[in-house]
PDB file of N, CA and C in Angstrom:
ATOM      1  N   MET A   1      53.952 -23.963  -9.357  1.00  0.00           N
ATOM      2  CA  MET A   1      54.115 -25.022  -8.388  1.00  0.00           C
ATOM      3  C   MET A   1      55.446 -24.789  -7.678  1.00  0.00           C
ATOM      4  N   ARG A   2      55.384 -24.875  -6.358  1.00  0.00           N
ATOM      5  CA  ARG A   2      56.619 -24.718  -5.592  1.00  0.00           C
ATOM      6  C   ARG A   2      56.463 -25.338  -4.209  1.00  0.00           C
ATOM      7  N   THR A   3      57.572 -25.641  -3.595  1.00  0.00           N
ATOM      8  CA  THR A   3      57.564 -26.133  -2.224  1.00  0.00           C
ATOM      9  C   THR A   3      57.625 -24.909  -1.321  1.00  0.00           C
ATOM     10  N   LEU A   4      56.639 -24.778  -0.469  1.00  0.00           N
ATOM     11  CA  LEU A   4      56.540 -23.605   0.395  1.00  0.00           C
ATOM     12  C   LEU A   4      57.477 -23.744   1.592  1.00  0.00           C
ATOM     13  N   ASP A   5      58.125 -22.645   1.949  1.00  0.00           N
ATOM     14  CA  ASP A   5      59.033 -22.667   3.084  1.00  0.00           C
ATOM     15  C   ASP A   5      58.261 -22.395   4.380  1.00  0.00           C
ATOM     16  N   ARG A   6      58.867 -22.773   5.464  1.00  0.00           N
ATOM     17  CA  ARG A   6      58.235 -22.667   6.782  1.00  0.00           C
ATOM     18  C   ARG A   6      57.848 -21.226   7.122  1.00  0.00           C
ATOM     19  N   ALA A   7      58.690 -20.268   6.804  1.00  0.00           N
ATOM     20  CA  ALA A   7      58.404 -18.863   7.128  1.00  0.00           C
ATOM     21  C   ALA A   7      57.142 -18.373   6.420  1.00  0.00           C
ATOM     22  N   THR A   8      56.972 -18.747   5.155  1.00  0.00           N
ATOM     23  CA  THR A   8      55.774 -18.364   4.415  1.00  0.00           C
ATOM     24  C   THR A   8      54.534 -18.970   5.057  1.00  0.00           C
ATOM     25  N   LEU A   9      54.635 -20.236   5.417  1.00  0.00           N
ATOM     26  CA  LEU A   9      53.494 -20.909   6.024  1.00  0.00           C
ATOM     27  C   LEU A   9      53.199 -20.393   7.422  1.00  0.00           C
ATOM     28  N   GLN A  10      54.228 -20.026   8.165  1.00  0.00           N
ATOM     29  CA  GLN A  10      54.014 -19.439   9.486  1.00  0.00           C
ATOM     30  C   GLN A  10      53.268 -18.114   9.368  1.00  0.00           C
ATOM     31  N   ALA A  11      53.588 -17.334   8.362  1.00  0.00           N
ATOM     32  CA  ALA A  11      52.871 -16.073   8.139  1.00  0.00           C
ATOM     33  C   ALA A  11      51.416 -16.343   7.766  1.00  0.00           C
ATOM     34  N   HIS A  12      51.212 -17.311   6.902  1.00  0.00           N
ATOM     35  CA  HIS A  12      49.851 -17.630   6.451  1.00  0.00           C
ATOM     36  C   HIS A  12      48.989 -18.194   7.576  1.00  0.00           C
ATOM     37  N   TYR A  13      49.539 -19.086   8.376  1.00  0.00           N
ATOM     38  CA  TYR A  13      48.786 -19.763   9.428  1.00  0.00           C
ATOM     39  C   TYR A  13      49.015 -19.153  10.811  1.00  0.00           C
ATOM     40  N   ALA A  14      49.469 -17.908  10.893  1.00  0.00           N
ATOM     41  CA  ALA A  14      49.817 -17.271  12.171  1.00  0.00           C
ATOM     42  C   ALA A  14      48.690 -17.339  13.187  1.00  0.00           C
ATOM     43  N   GLU A  15      47.457 -17.210  12.752  1.00  0.00           N
ATOM     44  CA  GLU A  15      46.329 -17.226  13.697  1.00  0.00           C
ATOM     45  C   GLU A  15      46.155 -18.577  14.386  1.00  0.00           C
ATOM     46  N   HIS A  16      46.771 -19.618  13.844  1.00  0.00           N
ATOM     47  CA  HIS A  16      46.645 -20.957  14.411  1.00  0.00           C
ATOM     48  C   HIS A  16      47.843 -21.377  15.264  1.00  0.00           C
ATOM     49  N   ALA A  17      48.843 -20.519  15.365  1.00  0.00           N
ATOM     50  CA  ALA A  17      50.048 -20.854  16.148  1.00  0.00           C
ATOM     51  C   ALA A  17      49.647 -21.247  17.561  1.00  0.00           C
ATOM     52  N   GLY A  18      50.255 -22.342  18.050  1.00  0.00           N
ATOM     53  CA  GLY A  18      49.984 -22.822  19.391  1.00  0.00           C
ATOM     54  C   GLY A  18      48.865 -23.843  19.480  1.00  0.00           C
ATOM     55  N   ARG A  19      48.077 -23.975  18.433  1.00  0.00           N
ATOM     56  CA  ARG A  19      47.004 -24.982  18.441  1.00  0.00           C
ATOM     57  C   ARG A  19      47.610 -26.361  18.161  1.00  0.00           C
ATOM     58  N   PRO A  20      46.957 -27.422  18.623  1.00  0.00           N
ATOM     59  CA  PRO A  20      47.534 -28.768  18.485  1.00  0.00           C
ATOM     60  C   PRO A  20      47.819 -29.187  17.044  1.00  0.00           C
ATOM     61  N   PHE A  21      47.061 -28.695  16.094  1.00  0.00           N
ATOM     62  CA  PHE A  21      47.250 -29.101  14.699  1.00  0.00           C
ATOM     63  C   PHE A  21      48.278 -28.260  13.954  1.00  0.00           C
ATOM     64  N   TYR A  22      48.782 -27.196  14.578  1.00  0.00           N
ATOM     65  CA  TYR A  22      49.654 -26.244  13.887  1.00  0.00           C
ATOM     66  C   TYR A  22      50.945 -26.884  13.362  1.00  0.00           C
ATOM     67  N   GLU A  23      51.705 -27.535  14.224  1.00  0.00           N
ATOM     68  CA  GLU A  23      52.973 -28.141  13.786  1.00  0.00           C
ATOM     69  C   GLU A  23      52.757 -29.254  12.758  1.00  0.00           C
ATOM     70  N   PRO A  24      51.787 -30.176  12.965  1.00  0.00           N
ATOM     71  CA  PRO A  24      51.540 -31.191  11.928  1.00  0.00           C
ATOM     72  C   PRO A  24      51.115 -30.568  10.589  1.00  0.00           C
ATOM     73  N   LEU A  25      50.369 -29.476  10.657  1.00  0.00           N
ATOM     74  CA  LEU A  25      49.961 -28.785   9.430  1.00  0.00           C
ATOM     75  C   LEU A  25      51.171 -28.223   8.697  1.00  0.00           C
ATOM     76  N   LEU A  26      52.054 -27.550   9.430  1.00  0.00           N
ATOM     77  CA  LEU A  26      53.267 -27.007   8.800  1.00  0.00           C
ATOM     78  C   LEU A  26      54.127 -28.125   8.226  1.00  0.00           C
ATOM     79  N   GLU A  27      54.228 -29.223   8.950  1.00  0.00           N
ATOM     80  CA  GLU A  27      55.012 -30.362   8.468  1.00  0.00           C
ATOM     81  C   GLU A  27      54.434 -30.900   7.157  1.00  0.00           C
ATOM     82  N   PHE A  28      53.133 -31.068   7.122  1.00  0.00           N
ATOM     83  CA  PHE A  28      52.483 -31.550   5.902  1.00  0.00           C
ATOM     84  C   PHE A  28      52.673 -30.569   4.750  1.00  0.00           C
ATOM     85  N   MET A  29      52.465 -29.290   5.023  1.00  0.00           N
ATOM     86  CA  MET A  29      52.518 -28.288   3.952  1.00  0.00           C
ATOM     87  C   MET A  29      53.926 -28.091   3.397  1.00  0.00           C
ATOM     88  N   THR A  30      54.962 -28.412   4.170  1.00  0.00           N
ATOM     89  CA  THR A  30      56.334 -28.290   3.670  1.00  0.00           C
ATOM     90  C   THR A  30      56.852 -29.606   3.077  1.00  0.00           C
ATOM     91  N   SER A  31      56.025 -30.645   3.079  1.00  0.00           N
ATOM     92  CA  SER A  31      56.489 -31.976   2.668  1.00  0.00           C
ATOM     93  C   SER A  31      56.559 -32.183   1.155  1.00  0.00           C
ATOM     94  N   GLY A  32      56.027 -31.278   0.393  1.00  0.00           N
ATOM     95  CA  GLY A  32      56.047 -31.442  -1.058  1.00  0.00           C
ATOM     96  C   GLY A  32      55.559 -30.186  -1.738  1.00  0.00           C
ATOM     97  N   PRO A  33      55.508 -30.213  -3.053  1.00  0.00           N
ATOM     98  CA  PRO A  33      55.122 -29.005  -3.797  1.00  0.00           C
ATOM     99  C   PRO A  33      53.638 -28.672  -3.646  1.00  0.00           C
ATOM    100  N   SER A  34      53.346 -27.390  -3.792  1.00  0.00           N
ATOM    101  CA  SER A  34      51.982 -26.866  -3.776  1.00  0.00           C
ATOM    102  C   SER A  34      51.763 -26.053  -5.046  1.00  0.00           C
ATOM    103  N   VAL A  35      50.540 -26.006  -5.478  1.00  0.00           N
ATOM    104  CA  VAL A  35      50.150 -25.110  -6.572  1.00  0.00           C
ATOM    105  C   VAL A  35      49.606 -23.860  -5.912  1.00  0.00           C
ATOM    106  N   VAL A  36      50.210 -22.731  -6.214  1.00  0.00           N
ATOM    107  CA  VAL A  36      49.807 -21.464  -5.620  1.00  0.00           C
ATOM    108  C   VAL A  36      49.283 -20.591  -6.748  1.00  0.00           C
ATOM    109  N   MET A  37      48.046 -20.093  -6.581  1.00  0.00           N
ATOM    110  CA  MET A  37      47.462 -19.283  -7.644  1.00  0.00           C
ATOM    111  C   MET A  37      46.449 -18.305  -7.086  1.00  0.00           C
ATOM    112  N   THR A  38      46.211 -17.278  -7.845  1.00  0.00           N
ATOM    113  CA  THR A  38      45.101 -16.384  -7.570  1.00  0.00           C
ATOM    114  C   THR A  38      44.086 -16.601  -8.687  1.00  0.00           C
ATOM    115  N   VAL A  39      42.831 -16.465  -8.328  1.00  0.00           N
ATOM    116  CA  VAL A  39      41.741 -16.664  -9.275  1.00  0.00           C
ATOM    117  C   VAL A  39      40.862 -15.425  -9.214  1.00  0.00           C
ATOM    118  N   GLU A  40      40.459 -14.932 -10.353  1.00  0.00           N
ATOM    119  CA  GLU A  40      39.620 -13.739 -10.408  1.00  0.00           C
ATOM    120  C   GLU A  40      38.319 -14.054 -11.115  1.00  0.00           C
ATOM    121  N   GLY A  41      37.283 -13.301 -10.783  1.00  0.00           N
ATOM    122  CA  GLY A  41      36.014 -13.445 -11.464  1.00  0.00           C
ATOM    123  C   GLY A  41      34.854 -13.112 -10.555  1.00  0.00           C
ATOM    124  N   GLU A  42      33.693 -13.047 -11.148  1.00  0.00           N
ATOM    125  CA  GLU A  42      32.479 -12.748 -10.404  1.00  0.00           C
ATOM    126  C   GLU A  42      32.168 -13.880  -9.421  1.00  0.00           C
ATOM    127  N   ARG A  43      31.941 -13.526  -8.169  1.00  0.00           N
ATOM    128  CA  ARG A  43      31.612 -14.473  -7.097  1.00  0.00           C
ATOM    129  C   ARG A  43      32.678 -15.571  -6.948  1.00  0.00           C
ATOM    130  N   VAL A  44      33.914 -15.235  -7.247  1.00  0.00           N
ATOM    131  CA  VAL A  44      34.998 -16.214  -7.252  1.00  0.00           C
ATOM    132  C   VAL A  44      35.270 -16.791  -5.863  1.00  0.00           C
ATOM    133  N   ILE A  45      35.164 -15.993  -4.829  1.00  0.00           N
ATOM    134  CA  ILE A  45      35.421 -16.500  -3.480  1.00  0.00           C
ATOM    135  C   ILE A  45      34.384 -17.558  -3.125  1.00  0.00           C
ATOM    136  N   GLU A  46      33.132 -17.255  -3.362  1.00  0.00           N
ATOM    137  CA  GLU A  46      32.058 -18.215  -3.104  1.00  0.00           C
ATOM    138  C   GLU A  46      32.250 -19.484  -3.928  1.00  0.00           C
ATOM    139  N   GLY A  47      32.601 -19.327  -5.190  1.00  0.00           N
ATOM    140  CA  GLY A  47      32.797 -20.478  -6.069  1.00  0.00           C
ATOM    141  C   GLY A  47      33.977 -21.338  -5.664  1.00  0.00           C
ATOM    142  N   MET A  48      35.102 -20.715  -5.332  1.00  0.00           N
ATOM    143  CA  MET A  48      36.285 -21.486  -4.938  1.00  0.00           C
ATOM    144  C   MET A  48      36.062 -22.209  -3.613  1.00  0.00           C
ATOM    145  N   ARG A  49      35.344 -21.565  -2.693  1.00  0.00           N
ATOM    146  CA  ARG A  49      35.081 -22.228  -1.413  1.00  0.00           C
ATOM    147  C   ARG A  49      34.139 -23.411  -1.595  1.00  0.00           C
ATOM    148  N   ALA A  50      33.203 -23.309  -2.531  1.00  0.00           N
ATOM    149  CA  ALA A  50      32.322 -24.446  -2.831  1.00  0.00           C
ATOM    150  C   ALA A  50      33.127 -25.569  -3.484  1.00  0.00           C
ATOM    151  N   LEU A  51      34.030 -25.219  -4.389  1.00  0.00           N
ATOM    152  CA  LEU A  51      34.883 -26.215  -5.040  1.00  0.00           C
ATOM    153  C   LEU A  51      35.782 -26.911  -4.022  1.00  0.00           C
ATOM    154  N   ALA A  52      36.299 -26.156  -3.055  1.00  0.00           N
ATOM    155  CA  ALA A  52      37.167 -26.728  -2.017  1.00  0.00           C
ATOM    156  C   ALA A  52      36.392 -27.654  -1.097  1.00  0.00           C
ATOM    157  N   GLY A  53      35.188 -27.255  -0.699  1.00  0.00           N
ATOM    158  CA  GLY A  53      34.409 -28.021   0.270  1.00  0.00           C
ATOM    159  C   GLY A  53      34.768 -27.624   1.685  1.00  0.00           C
ATOM    160  N   PRO A  54      33.965 -28.047   2.669  1.00  0.00           N
ATOM    161  CA  PRO A  54      34.249 -27.726   4.071  1.00  0.00           C
ATOM    162  C   PRO A  54      35.605 -28.267   4.515  1.00  0.00           C
ATOM    163  N   THR A  55      36.181 -27.637   5.535  1.00  0.00           N
ATOM    164  CA  THR A  55      37.498 -28.025   6.043  1.00  0.00           C
ATOM    165  C   THR A  55      37.564 -29.496   6.437  1.00  0.00           C
ATOM    166  N   ASP A  56      36.503 -30.003   7.035  1.00  0.00           N
ATOM    167  CA  ASP A  56      36.466 -31.407   7.432  1.00  0.00           C
ATOM    168  C   ASP A  56      36.124 -32.263   6.214  1.00  0.00           C
ATOM    169  N   PRO A  57      37.068 -33.052   5.717  1.00  0.00           N
ATOM    170  CA  PRO A  57      36.813 -33.829   4.509  1.00  0.00           C
ATOM    171  C   PRO A  57      35.664 -34.830   4.643  1.00  0.00           C
ATOM    172  N   ILE A  58      35.374 -35.273   5.858  1.00  0.00           N
ATOM    173  CA  ILE A  58      34.263 -36.202   6.065  1.00  0.00           C
ATOM    174  C   ILE A  58      32.931 -35.489   5.812  1.00  0.00           C
ATOM    175  N   ALA A  59      32.875 -34.187   6.112  1.00  0.00           N
ATOM    176  CA  ALA A  59      31.657 -33.399   5.896  1.00  0.00           C
ATOM    177  C   ALA A  59      31.576 -32.824   4.487  1.00  0.00           C
ATOM    178  N   ALA A  60      32.665 -32.893   3.740  1.00  0.00           N
ATOM    179  CA  ALA A  60      32.706 -32.301   2.399  1.00  0.00           C
ATOM    180  C   ALA A  60      31.948 -33.182   1.399  1.00  0.00           C
ATOM    181  N   PRO A  61      31.154 -32.568   0.552  1.00  0.00           N
ATOM    182  CA  PRO A  61      30.365 -33.363  -0.399  1.00  0.00           C
ATOM    183  C   PRO A  61      31.222 -33.946  -1.517  1.00  0.00           C
ATOM    184  N   PRO A  62      30.789 -35.065  -2.078  1.00  0.00           N
ATOM    185  CA  PRO A  62      31.457 -35.601  -3.266  1.00  0.00           C
ATOM    186  C   PRO A  62      31.450 -34.535  -4.362  1.00  0.00           C
ATOM    187  N   GLY A  63      32.517 -34.492  -5.115  1.00  0.00           N
ATOM    188  CA  GLY A  63      32.656 -33.486  -6.160  1.00  0.00           C
ATOM    189  C   GLY A  63      33.464 -32.283  -5.717  1.00  0.00           C
ATOM    190  N   SER A  64      33.628 -32.105  -4.399  1.00  0.00           N
ATOM    191  CA  SER A  64      34.508 -31.045  -3.902  1.00  0.00           C
ATOM    192  C   SER A  64      35.905 -31.653  -3.762  1.00  0.00           C
ATOM    193  N   ILE A  65      36.916 -30.816  -3.743  1.00  0.00           N
ATOM    194  CA  ILE A  65      38.293 -31.318  -3.638  1.00  0.00           C
ATOM    195  C   ILE A  65      38.493 -32.058  -2.321  1.00  0.00           C
ATOM    196  N   ARG A  66      38.042 -31.480  -1.232  1.00  0.00           N
ATOM    197  CA  ARG A  66      38.199 -32.157   0.060  1.00  0.00           C
ATOM    198  C   ARG A  66      37.321 -33.401   0.147  1.00  0.00           C
ATOM    199  N   GLY A  67      36.135 -33.355  -0.441  1.00  0.00           N
ATOM    200  CA  GLY A  67      35.241 -34.509  -0.412  1.00  0.00           C
ATOM    201  C   GLY A  67      35.759 -35.683  -1.212  1.00  0.00           C
ATOM    202  N   ASP A  68      36.437 -35.404  -2.320  1.00  0.00           N
ATOM    203  CA  ASP A  68      36.950 -36.478  -3.177  1.00  0.00           C
ATOM    204  C   ASP A  68      38.345 -36.947  -2.791  1.00  0.00           C
ATOM    205  N   PHE A  69      39.162 -36.058  -2.233  1.00  0.00           N
ATOM    206  CA  PHE A  69      40.565 -36.404  -2.009  1.00  0.00           C
ATOM    207  C   PHE A  69      41.029 -36.294  -0.566  1.00  0.00           C
ATOM    208  N   GLY A  70      40.252 -35.686   0.315  1.00  0.00           N
ATOM    209  CA  GLY A  70      40.688 -35.457   1.683  1.00  0.00           C
ATOM    210  C   GLY A  70      40.363 -36.607   2.610  1.00  0.00           C
ATOM    211  N   THR A  71      41.197 -36.779   3.608  1.00  0.00           N
ATOM    212  CA  THR A  71      40.926 -37.764   4.660  1.00  0.00           C
ATOM    213  C   THR A  71      41.238 -37.208   6.043  1.00  0.00           C
ATOM    214  N   ILE A  72      42.171 -36.280   6.137  1.00  0.00           N
ATOM    215  CA  ILE A  72      42.634 -35.773   7.430  1.00  0.00           C
ATOM    216  C   ILE A  72      42.562 -34.245   7.419  1.00  0.00           C
ATOM    217  N   VAL A  73      41.893 -33.663   8.402  1.00  0.00           N
ATOM    218  CA  VAL A  73      41.700 -32.211   8.458  1.00  0.00           C
ATOM    219  C   VAL A  73      43.019 -31.449   8.416  1.00  0.00           C
ATOM    220  N   ARG A  74      44.013 -31.889   9.201  1.00  0.00           N
ATOM    221  CA  ARG A  74      45.272 -31.130   9.279  1.00  0.00           C
ATOM    222  C   ARG A  74      46.094 -31.203   7.998  1.00  0.00           C
ATOM    223  N   GLU A  75      45.751 -32.121   7.092  1.00  0.00           N
ATOM    224  CA  GLU A  75      46.413 -32.177   5.794  1.00  0.00           C
ATOM    225  C   GLU A  75      45.585 -31.342   4.820  1.00  0.00           C
ATOM    226  N   ASN A  76      45.892 -30.070   4.825  1.00  0.00           N
ATOM    227  CA  ASN A  76      45.109 -29.077   4.093  1.00  0.00           C
ATOM    228  C   ASN A  76      45.351 -29.198   2.590  1.00  0.00           C
ATOM    229  N   LEU A  77      44.452 -29.885   1.909  1.00  0.00           N
ATOM    230  CA  LEU A  77      44.611 -30.102   0.468  1.00  0.00           C
ATOM    231  C   LEU A  77      44.424 -28.842  -0.344  1.00  0.00           C
ATOM    232  N   ILE A  78      43.604 -27.934   0.150  1.00  0.00           N
ATOM    233  CA  ILE A  78      43.303 -26.716  -0.594  1.00  0.00           C
ATOM    234  C   ILE A  78      42.959 -25.614   0.391  1.00  0.00           C
ATOM    235  N   HIS A  79      43.331 -24.408   0.017  1.00  0.00           N
ATOM    236  CA  HIS A  79      42.933 -23.237   0.788  1.00  0.00           C
ATOM    237  C   HIS A  79      42.194 -22.313  -0.153  1.00  0.00           C
ATOM    238  N   ALA A  80      41.089 -21.773   0.312  1.00  0.00           N
ATOM    239  CA  ALA A  80      40.341 -20.777  -0.446  1.00  0.00           C
ATOM    240  C   ALA A  80      40.040 -19.613   0.486  1.00  0.00           C
ATOM    241  N   SER A  81      40.452 -18.437   0.098  1.00  0.00           N
ATOM    242  CA  SER A  81      40.245 -17.249   0.929  1.00  0.00           C
ATOM    243  C   SER A  81      38.765 -17.062   1.234  1.00  0.00           C
ATOM    244  N   ASP A  82      38.492 -16.508   2.428  1.00  0.00           N
ATOM    245  CA  ASP A  82      37.103 -16.318   2.832  1.00  0.00           C
ATOM    246  C   ASP A  82      36.556 -14.923   2.558  1.00  0.00           C
ATOM    247  N   SER A  83      37.403 -14.016   2.079  1.00  0.00           N
ATOM    248  CA  SER A  83      36.967 -12.647   1.785  1.00  0.00           C
ATOM    249  C   SER A  83      37.989 -11.986   0.864  1.00  0.00           C
ATOM    250  N   GLU A  84      37.601 -10.862   0.292  1.00  0.00           N
ATOM    251  CA  GLU A  84      38.551 -10.114  -0.547  1.00  0.00           C
ATOM    252  C   GLU A  84      39.739  -9.642   0.275  1.00  0.00           C
ATOM    253  N   GLU A  85      39.474  -9.228   1.517  1.00  0.00           N
ATOM    254  CA  GLU A  85      40.557  -8.758   2.386  1.00  0.00           C
ATOM    255  C   GLU A  85      41.555  -9.883   2.670  1.00  0.00           C
ATOM    256  N   SER A  86      41.043 -11.064   2.965  1.00  0.00           N
ATOM    257  CA  SER A  86      41.927 -12.214   3.201  1.00  0.00           C
ATOM    258  C   SER A  86      42.713 -12.551   1.943  1.00  0.00           C
ATOM    259  N   ALA A  87      42.049 -12.519   0.810  1.00  0.00           N
ATOM    260  CA  ALA A  87      42.715 -12.843  -0.457  1.00  0.00           C
ATOM    261  C   ALA A  87      43.865 -11.876  -0.722  1.00  0.00           C
ATOM    262  N   GLU A  88      43.650 -10.596  -0.475  1.00  0.00           N
ATOM    263  CA  GLU A  88      44.712  -9.604  -0.684  1.00  0.00           C
ATOM    264  C   GLU A  88      45.882  -9.855   0.262  1.00  0.00           C
ATOM    265  N   ARG A  89      45.579 -10.124   1.534  1.00  0.00           N
ATOM    266  CA  ARG A  89      46.634 -10.393   2.524  1.00  0.00           C
ATOM    267  C   ARG A  89      47.407 -11.653   2.145  1.00  0.00           C
ATOM    268  N   GLU A  90      46.689 -12.702   1.773  1.00  0.00           N
ATOM    269  CA  GLU A  90      47.324 -13.973   1.436  1.00  0.00           C
ATOM    270  C   GLU A  90      48.141 -13.885   0.151  1.00  0.00           C
ATOM    271  N   ALA A  91      47.666 -13.143  -0.824  1.00  0.00           N
ATOM    272  CA  ALA A  91      48.429 -12.976  -2.067  1.00  0.00           C
ATOM    273  C   ALA A  91      49.774 -12.316  -1.771  1.00  0.00           C
ATOM    274  N   LYS A  92      49.788 -11.367  -0.845  1.00  0.00           N
ATOM    275  CA  LYS A  92      51.051 -10.714  -0.475  1.00  0.00           C
ATOM    276  C   LYS A  92      52.009 -11.709   0.171  1.00  0.00           C
ATOM    277  N   ILE A  93      51.483 -12.649   0.933  1.00  0.00           N
ATOM    278  CA  ILE A  93      52.320 -13.654   1.588  1.00  0.00           C
ATOM    279  C   ILE A  93      52.914 -14.609   0.547  1.00  0.00           C
ATOM    280  N   PHE A  94      52.068 -15.141  -0.311  1.00  0.00           N
ATOM    281  CA  PHE A  94      52.505 -16.182  -1.250  1.00  0.00           C
ATOM    282  C   PHE A  94      53.216 -15.634  -2.491  1.00  0.00           C
ATOM    283  N   PHE A  95      52.971 -14.401  -2.834  1.00  0.00           N
ATOM    284  CA  PHE A  95      53.569 -13.841  -4.048  1.00  0.00           C
ATOM    285  C   PHE A  95      54.505 -12.684  -3.771  1.00  0.00           C
ATOM    286  N   ALA A  96      54.976 -12.548  -2.527  1.00  0.00           N
ATOM    287  CA  ALA A  96      55.873 -11.455  -2.152  1.00  0.00           C
ATOM    288  C   ALA A  96      57.150 -11.493  -2.970  1.00  0.00           C
ATOM    289  N   ALA A  97      57.736 -12.657  -3.142  1.00  0.00           N
ATOM    290  CA  ALA A  97      58.997 -12.755  -3.904  1.00  0.00           C
ATOM    291  C   ALA A  97      58.776 -12.338  -5.352  1.00  0.00           C
ATOM    292  N   ALA A  98      57.665 -12.723  -5.931  1.00  0.00           N
ATOM    293  CA  ALA A  98      57.376 -12.359  -7.314  1.00  0.00           C
ATOM    294  C   ALA A  98      57.140 -10.847  -7.427  1.00  0.00           C
ATOM    295  N   ALA A  99      56.470 -10.263  -6.429  1.00  0.00           N
ATOM    296  CA  ALA A  99      56.202  -8.830  -6.452  1.00  0.00           C
ATOM    297  C   ALA A  99      57.471  -8.017  -6.272  1.00  0.00           C
ATOM    298  N   ASP A 100      58.439  -8.563  -5.523  1.00  0.00           N
ATOM    299  CA  ASP A 100      59.690  -7.857  -5.272  1.00  0.00           C
ATOM    300  C   ASP A 100      60.705  -7.993  -6.401  1.00  0.00           C
ATOM    301  N   SER A 101      60.478  -8.943  -7.314  1.00  0.00           N
ATOM    302  CA  SER A 101      61.421  -9.186  -8.403  1.00  0.00           C
ATOM    303  C   SER A 101      61.192  -8.206  -9.548  1.00  0.00           C
ATOM    304  N   PRO A 102      62.276  -7.748 -10.166  1.00  0.00           N
ATOM    305  CA  PRO A 102      62.099  -6.879 -11.334  1.00  0.00           C
ATOM    306  C   PRO A 102      61.513  -7.686 -12.483  1.00  0.00           C
ATOM    307  N   ALA A 103      60.671  -7.036 -13.252  1.00  0.00           N
ATOM    308  CA  ALA A 103      60.022  -7.713 -14.384  1.00  0.00           C
ATOM    309  C   ALA A 103      60.961  -7.903 -15.545  1.00  0.00           C
TER     310      ALA A 103
END
């Protein structure tokens, strides 16, 4: 668990820069601690995305994280990578400091 800094979030959300929700999203994501983790396993991407639910919490089914706890799209309660390539890129963003530290 850690509070994410703006630079990390800017790298993660770079594709959304300039969109109306970008600044409110960064503000929300820097407002408190986040749990950052990688999950491994068979069909894990599909499973985590089902657990997260659709981005729009109103469309998310009960039992999903967004369906049970979400109310506002720009307040991103959970992120789940959409592919192995995205997961690898995102892990480098969120775990760069850990990877650079001596064991």
